[in-house]
């Protein structure tokens, strides 16, 4: 890999970490791969409080033109394997090369597999049900408070 390509890839990793509010891994995760330390693999790690596991992001920039890009299955296999070892959700962040006009945001894509999507949606469903339960409890508490207030006001009138 040439210096220009490496710089472009590193720039995409920094951009991804910033936009997703994550942290870049030392040496783009190469150190973790070489030393077989799964927690140090991947390019970017993103932790959101609503997920049980962090995102394990592998970043790829270029590999095509501004109009089309090659996505290699080996990238997806690699990120899945590393993420599994680190107990994270695998994500592939890709960016088209040299996009300078039009819809700039369409040049940036996050790829996840079906199993990851289903697991993430299961977590969201659980959080949603928990939230509804909390709202229900709050509503019932306010109703009881209102009933007590009505009873007090009726008692005072007597």
C-alpha atoms as a PDB file:
ATOM      1  CA  UNK A   1       0.000   0.000   0.000  1.00  0.00           C
ATOM      2  CA  UNK A   2       1.376   3.397  -0.992  1.00  0.00           C
ATOM      3  CA  UNK A   3       1.739   6.346   1.356  1.00  0.00           C
ATOM      4  CA  UNK A   4      -1.092   8.270  -0.342  1.00  0.00           C
ATOM      5  CA  UNK A   5      -3.468   5.317   0.022  1.00  0.00           C
ATOM      6  CA  UNK A   6      -2.487   4.816   3.653  1.00  0.00           C
ATOM      7  CA  UNK A   7      -3.031   8.511   4.394  1.00  0.00           C
ATOM      8  CA  UNK A   8      -6.455   8.411   2.728  1.00  0.00           C
ATOM      9  CA  UNK A   9      -7.402   5.325   4.728  1.00  0.00           C
ATOM     10  CA  UNK A  10      -6.186   6.893   7.966  1.00  0.00           C
ATOM     11  CA  UNK A  11      -8.135  10.065   7.211  1.00  0.00           C
ATOM     12  CA  UNK A  12     -11.303   7.964   6.698  1.00  0.00           C
ATOM     13  CA  UNK A  13     -10.666   6.163  10.002  1.00  0.00           C
ATOM     14  CA  UNK A  14     -10.327   9.520  11.825  1.00  0.00           C
ATOM     15  CA  UNK A  15     -13.468  10.829  10.137  1.00  0.00           C
ATOM     16  CA  UNK A  16     -15.412   7.669  11.021  1.00  0.00           C
ATOM     17  CA  UNK A  17     -14.263   7.786  14.649  1.00  0.00           C
ATOM     18  CA  UNK A  18     -15.262  11.442  14.909  1.00  0.00           C
ATOM     19  CA  UNK A  19     -18.664  11.084  13.235  1.00  0.00           C
ATOM     20  CA  UNK A  20     -19.629   7.927  15.143  1.00  0.00           C
ATOM     21  CA  UNK A  21     -18.135   9.277  18.387  1.00  0.00           C
ATOM     22  CA  UNK A  22     -15.777   6.341  18.680  1.00  0.00           C
ATOM     23  CA  UNK A  23     -12.065   5.797  19.187  1.00  0.00           C
ATOM     24  CA  UNK A  24      -9.434   4.736  16.692  1.00  0.00           C
ATOM     25  CA  UNK A  25      -7.469   1.643  17.544  1.00  0.00           C
ATOM     26  CA  UNK A  26      -3.663   1.906  17.767  1.00  0.00           C
ATOM     27  CA  UNK A  27      -2.038   1.128  14.396  1.00  0.00           C
ATOM     28  CA  UNK A  28      -5.496   0.618  12.848  1.00  0.00           C
ATOM     29  CA  UNK A  29      -5.841  -2.563  14.868  1.00  0.00           C
ATOM     30  CA  UNK A  30      -2.724  -4.126  13.312  1.00  0.00           C
ATOM     31  CA  UNK A  31      -1.036  -4.398  16.715  1.00  0.00           C
ATOM     32  CA  UNK A  32      -3.969  -6.353  18.106  1.00  0.00           C
ATOM     33  CA  UNK A  33      -4.000  -8.628  15.060  1.00  0.00           C
ATOM     34  CA  UNK A  34      -0.247  -9.297  15.269  1.00  0.00           C
ATOM     35  CA  UNK A  35      -0.296  -9.895  19.024  1.00  0.00           C
ATOM     36  CA  UNK A  36      -3.587 -11.849  18.928  1.00  0.00           C
ATOM     37  CA  UNK A  37      -5.272  -9.385  21.307  1.00  0.00           C
ATOM     38  CA  UNK A  38      -8.857  -9.267  20.072  1.00  0.00           C
ATOM     39  CA  UNK A  39      -9.756  -6.149  22.082  1.00  0.00           C
ATOM     40  CA  UNK A  40      -7.201  -4.149  20.042  1.00  0.00           C
ATOM     41  CA  UNK A  41      -8.341  -5.266  16.581  1.00  0.00           C
ATOM     42  CA  UNK A  42     -10.422  -3.256  14.132  1.00  0.00           C
ATOM     43  CA  UNK A  43      -9.955   0.345  13.031  1.00  0.00           C
ATOM     44  CA  UNK A  44     -12.521   2.073  15.241  1.00  0.00           C
ATOM     45  CA  UNK A  45     -14.458   1.016  18.341  1.00  0.00           C
ATOM     46  CA  UNK A  46     -17.708   2.778  19.163  1.00  0.00           C
ATOM     47  CA  UNK A  47     -19.513   2.346  22.469  1.00  0.00           C
ATOM     48  CA  UNK A  48     -23.134   3.425  22.772  1.00  0.00           C
ATOM     49  CA  UNK A  49     -24.863   3.078  26.150  1.00  0.00           C
ATOM     50  CA  UNK A  50     -27.986   1.527  24.606  1.00  0.00           C
ATOM     51  CA  UNK A  51     -26.115  -1.464  23.142  1.00  0.00           C
ATOM     52  CA  UNK A  52     -24.796  -4.362  25.198  1.00  0.00           C
ATOM     53  CA  UNK A  53     -21.759  -4.568  22.934  1.00  0.00           C
ATOM     54  CA  UNK A  54     -19.613  -1.907  21.219  1.00  0.00           C
ATOM     55  CA  UNK A  55     -19.362  -1.579  17.442  1.00  0.00           C
ATOM     56  CA  UNK A  56     -16.220  -3.038  15.870  1.00  0.00           C
ATOM     57  CA  UNK A  57     -15.643  -0.930  12.757  1.00  0.00           C
ATOM     58  CA  UNK A  58     -13.361  -1.824   9.865  1.00  0.00           C
ATOM     59  CA  UNK A  59     -12.853   1.179   7.543  1.00  0.00           C
ATOM     60  CA  UNK A  60     -12.259   0.928   3.803  1.00  0.00           C
ATOM     61  CA  UNK A  61     -11.696   3.904   1.511  1.00  0.00           C
ATOM     62  CA  UNK A  62     -11.443   3.852  -2.272  1.00  0.00           C
ATOM     63  CA  UNK A  63     -11.269   0.474  -3.975  1.00  0.00           C
ATOM     64  CA  UNK A  64     -13.021   1.920  -6.990  1.00  0.00           C
ATOM     65  CA  UNK A  65     -14.134   5.249  -8.344  1.00  0.00           C
ATOM     66  CA  UNK A  66     -16.511   7.970  -7.221  1.00  0.00           C
ATOM     67  CA  UNK A  67     -19.353   6.022  -8.881  1.00  0.00           C
ATOM     68  CA  UNK A  68     -18.718   2.398  -7.922  1.00  0.00           C
ATOM     69  CA  UNK A  69     -16.719   0.470  -5.385  1.00  0.00           C
ATOM     70  CA  UNK A  70     -15.602  -3.085  -4.812  1.00  0.00           C
ATOM     71  CA  UNK A  71     -16.692  -4.616  -1.509  1.00  0.00           C
ATOM     72  CA  UNK A  72     -14.762  -7.776  -0.781  1.00  0.00           C
ATOM     73  CA  UNK A  73     -16.389 -10.597   1.123  1.00  0.00           C
ATOM     74  CA  UNK A  74     -13.067 -11.231   2.881  1.00  0.00           C
ATOM     75  CA  UNK A  75     -13.433  -7.793   4.563  1.00  0.00           C
ATOM     76  CA  UNK A  76     -16.806  -8.814   5.939  1.00  0.00           C
ATOM     77  CA  UNK A  77     -15.485 -12.186   7.061  1.00  0.00           C
ATOM     78  CA  UNK A  78     -12.501 -10.529   8.754  1.00  0.00           C
ATOM     79  CA  UNK A  79     -14.564  -7.935  10.619  1.00  0.00           C
ATOM     80  CA  UNK A  80     -17.050 -10.612  11.751  1.00  0.00           C
ATOM     81  CA  UNK A  81     -14.265 -12.835  13.071  1.00  0.00           C
ATOM     82  CA  UNK A  82     -12.463 -10.018  14.872  1.00  0.00           C
ATOM     83  CA  UNK A  83     -15.697  -8.629  16.310  1.00  0.00           C
ATOM     84  CA  UNK A  84     -16.763 -12.036  17.581  1.00  0.00           C
ATOM     85  CA  UNK A  85     -13.433 -12.464  19.376  1.00  0.00           C
ATOM     86  CA  UNK A  86     -13.739  -8.997  20.919  1.00  0.00           C
ATOM     87  CA  UNK A  87     -17.472  -9.423  21.758  1.00  0.00           C
ATOM     88  CA  UNK A  88     -18.520  -6.533  19.521  1.00  0.00           C
ATOM     89  CA  UNK A  89     -20.951  -5.895  16.699  1.00  0.00           C
ATOM     90  CA  UNK A  90     -19.167  -6.062  13.308  1.00  0.00           C
ATOM     91  CA  UNK A  91     -19.484  -3.027  11.040  1.00  0.00           C
ATOM     92  CA  UNK A  92     -17.784  -2.243   7.739  1.00  0.00           C
ATOM     93  CA  UNK A  93     -17.498   1.509   7.034  1.00  0.00           C
ATOM     94  CA  UNK A  94     -16.831   2.224   3.360  1.00  0.00           C
ATOM     95  CA  UNK A  95     -16.335   5.470   1.500  1.00  0.00           C
ATOM     96  CA  UNK A  96     -16.235   6.071  -2.230  1.00  0.00           C
ATOM     97  CA  UNK A  97     -13.066   7.708  -3.517  1.00  0.00           C
ATOM     98  CA  UNK A  98     -12.877  11.255  -4.869  1.00  0.00           C
ATOM     99  CA  UNK A  99     -16.522  12.243  -4.392  1.00  0.00           C
ATOM    100  CA  UNK A 100     -16.513  16.032  -4.645  1.00  0.00           C
ATOM    101  CA  UNK A 101     -20.038  17.022  -5.635  1.00  0.00           C
ATOM    102  CA  UNK A 102     -23.675  16.073  -5.463  1.00  0.00           C
ATOM    103  CA  UNK A 103     -24.890  14.012  -2.529  1.00  0.00           C
ATOM    104  CA  UNK A 104     -21.650  13.770  -0.547  1.00  0.00           C
ATOM    105  CA  UNK A 105     -23.210  11.777   2.286  1.00  0.00           C
ATOM    106  CA  UNK A 106     -24.166   8.938  -0.077  1.00  0.00           C
ATOM    107  CA  UNK A 107     -20.436   8.283  -0.466  1.00  0.00           C
ATOM    108  CA  UNK A 108     -20.256   7.005   3.144  1.00  0.00           C
ATOM    109  CA  UNK A 109     -21.884   3.682   3.992  1.00  0.00           C
ATOM    110  CA  UNK A 110     -22.035   1.430   7.047  1.00  0.00           C
ATOM    111  CA  UNK A 111     -22.510  -2.266   6.281  1.00  0.00           C
ATOM    112  CA  UNK A 112     -23.753  -4.800   8.797  1.00  0.00           C
ATOM    113  CA  UNK A 113     -24.956  -8.346   8.245  1.00  0.00           C
ATOM    114  CA  UNK A 114     -28.468  -9.628   8.936  1.00  0.00           C
ATOM    115  CA  UNK A 115     -27.537 -11.403  12.176  1.00  0.00           C
ATOM    116  CA  UNK A 116     -26.008  -8.213  13.572  1.00  0.00           C
ATOM    117  CA  UNK A 117     -29.053  -6.190  12.500  1.00  0.00           C
ATOM    118  CA  UNK A 118     -31.413  -8.651  14.186  1.00  0.00           C
ATOM    119  CA  UNK A 119     -29.367  -8.638  17.409  1.00  0.00           C
ATOM    120  CA  UNK A 120     -29.301  -4.835  17.478  1.00  0.00           C
ATOM    121  CA  UNK A 121     -33.051  -4.612  16.839  1.00  0.00           C
ATOM    122  CA  UNK A 122     -33.657  -7.141  19.625  1.00  0.00           C
ATOM    123  CA  UNK A 123     -31.775  -4.829  21.991  1.00  0.00           C
ATOM    124  CA  UNK A 124     -33.772  -1.828  20.780  1.00  0.00           C
ATOM    125  CA  UNK A 125     -37.021  -3.771  21.258  1.00  0.00           C
ATOM    126  CA  UNK A 126     -36.040  -4.630  24.802  1.00  0.00           C
ATOM    127  CA  UNK A 127     -35.178  -0.983  25.538  1.00  0.00           C
ATOM    128  CA  UNK A 128     -38.448   0.167  23.992  1.00  0.00           C
ATOM    129  CA  UNK A 129     -40.491  -2.243  26.128  1.00  0.00           C
ATOM    130  CA  UNK A 130     -38.540  -1.166  29.204  1.00  0.00           C
ATOM    131  CA  UNK A 131     -39.261   2.479  28.339  1.00  0.00           C
ATOM    132  CA  UNK A 132     -42.984   1.777  27.894  1.00  0.00           C
ATOM    133  CA  UNK A 133     -43.039   0.025  31.255  1.00  0.00           C
ATOM    134  CA  UNK A 134     -41.371   3.021  32.861  1.00  0.00           C
ATOM    135  CA  UNK A 135     -43.902   5.389  31.261  1.00  0.00           C
ATOM    136  CA  UNK A 136     -46.775   3.191  32.430  1.00  0.00           C
ATOM    137  CA  UNK A 137     -45.456   3.194  36.007  1.00  0.00           C
ATOM    138  CA  UNK A 138     -45.035   6.978  35.926  1.00  0.00           C
ATOM    139  CA  UNK A 139     -48.558   7.420  34.557  1.00  0.00           C
ATOM    140  CA  UNK A 140     -50.022   5.139  37.257  1.00  0.00           C
ATOM    141  CA  UNK A 141     -48.104   7.000  39.972  1.00  0.00           C
ATOM    142  CA  UNK A 142     -49.468  10.347  38.749  1.00  0.00           C
ATOM    143  CA  UNK A 143     -52.982   8.925  38.594  1.00  0.00           C
ATOM    144  CA  UNK A 144     -52.718   7.773  42.217  1.00  0.00           C
ATOM    145  CA  UNK A 145     -51.362  11.172  43.237  1.00  0.00           C
ATOM    146  CA  UNK A 146     -54.270  12.891  41.445  1.00  0.00           C
ATOM    147  CA  UNK A 147     -56.788  10.577  43.138  1.00  0.00           C
ATOM    148  CA  UNK A 148     -55.269  11.365  46.545  1.00  0.00           C
ATOM    149  CA  UNK A 149     -55.452  15.069  45.773  1.00  0.00           C
ATOM    150  CA  UNK A 150     -59.123  14.782  44.812  1.00  0.00           C
ATOM    151  CA  UNK A 151     -59.827  12.824  48.003  1.00  0.00           C
ATOM    152  CA  UNK A 152     -58.028  15.464  50.113  1.00  0.00           C
ATOM    153  CA  UNK A 153     -59.924  18.296  48.493  1.00  0.00           C
ATOM    154  CA  UNK A 154     -63.230  16.441  49.077  1.00  0.00           C
ATOM    155  CA  UNK A 155     -62.250  15.866  52.716  1.00  0.00           C
ATOM    156  CA  UNK A 156     -61.364  19.532  53.220  1.00  0.00           C
ATOM    157  CA  UNK A 157     -64.765  20.596  51.794  1.00  0.00           C
ATOM    158  CA  UNK A 158     -66.610  18.471  54.377  1.00  0.00           C
END
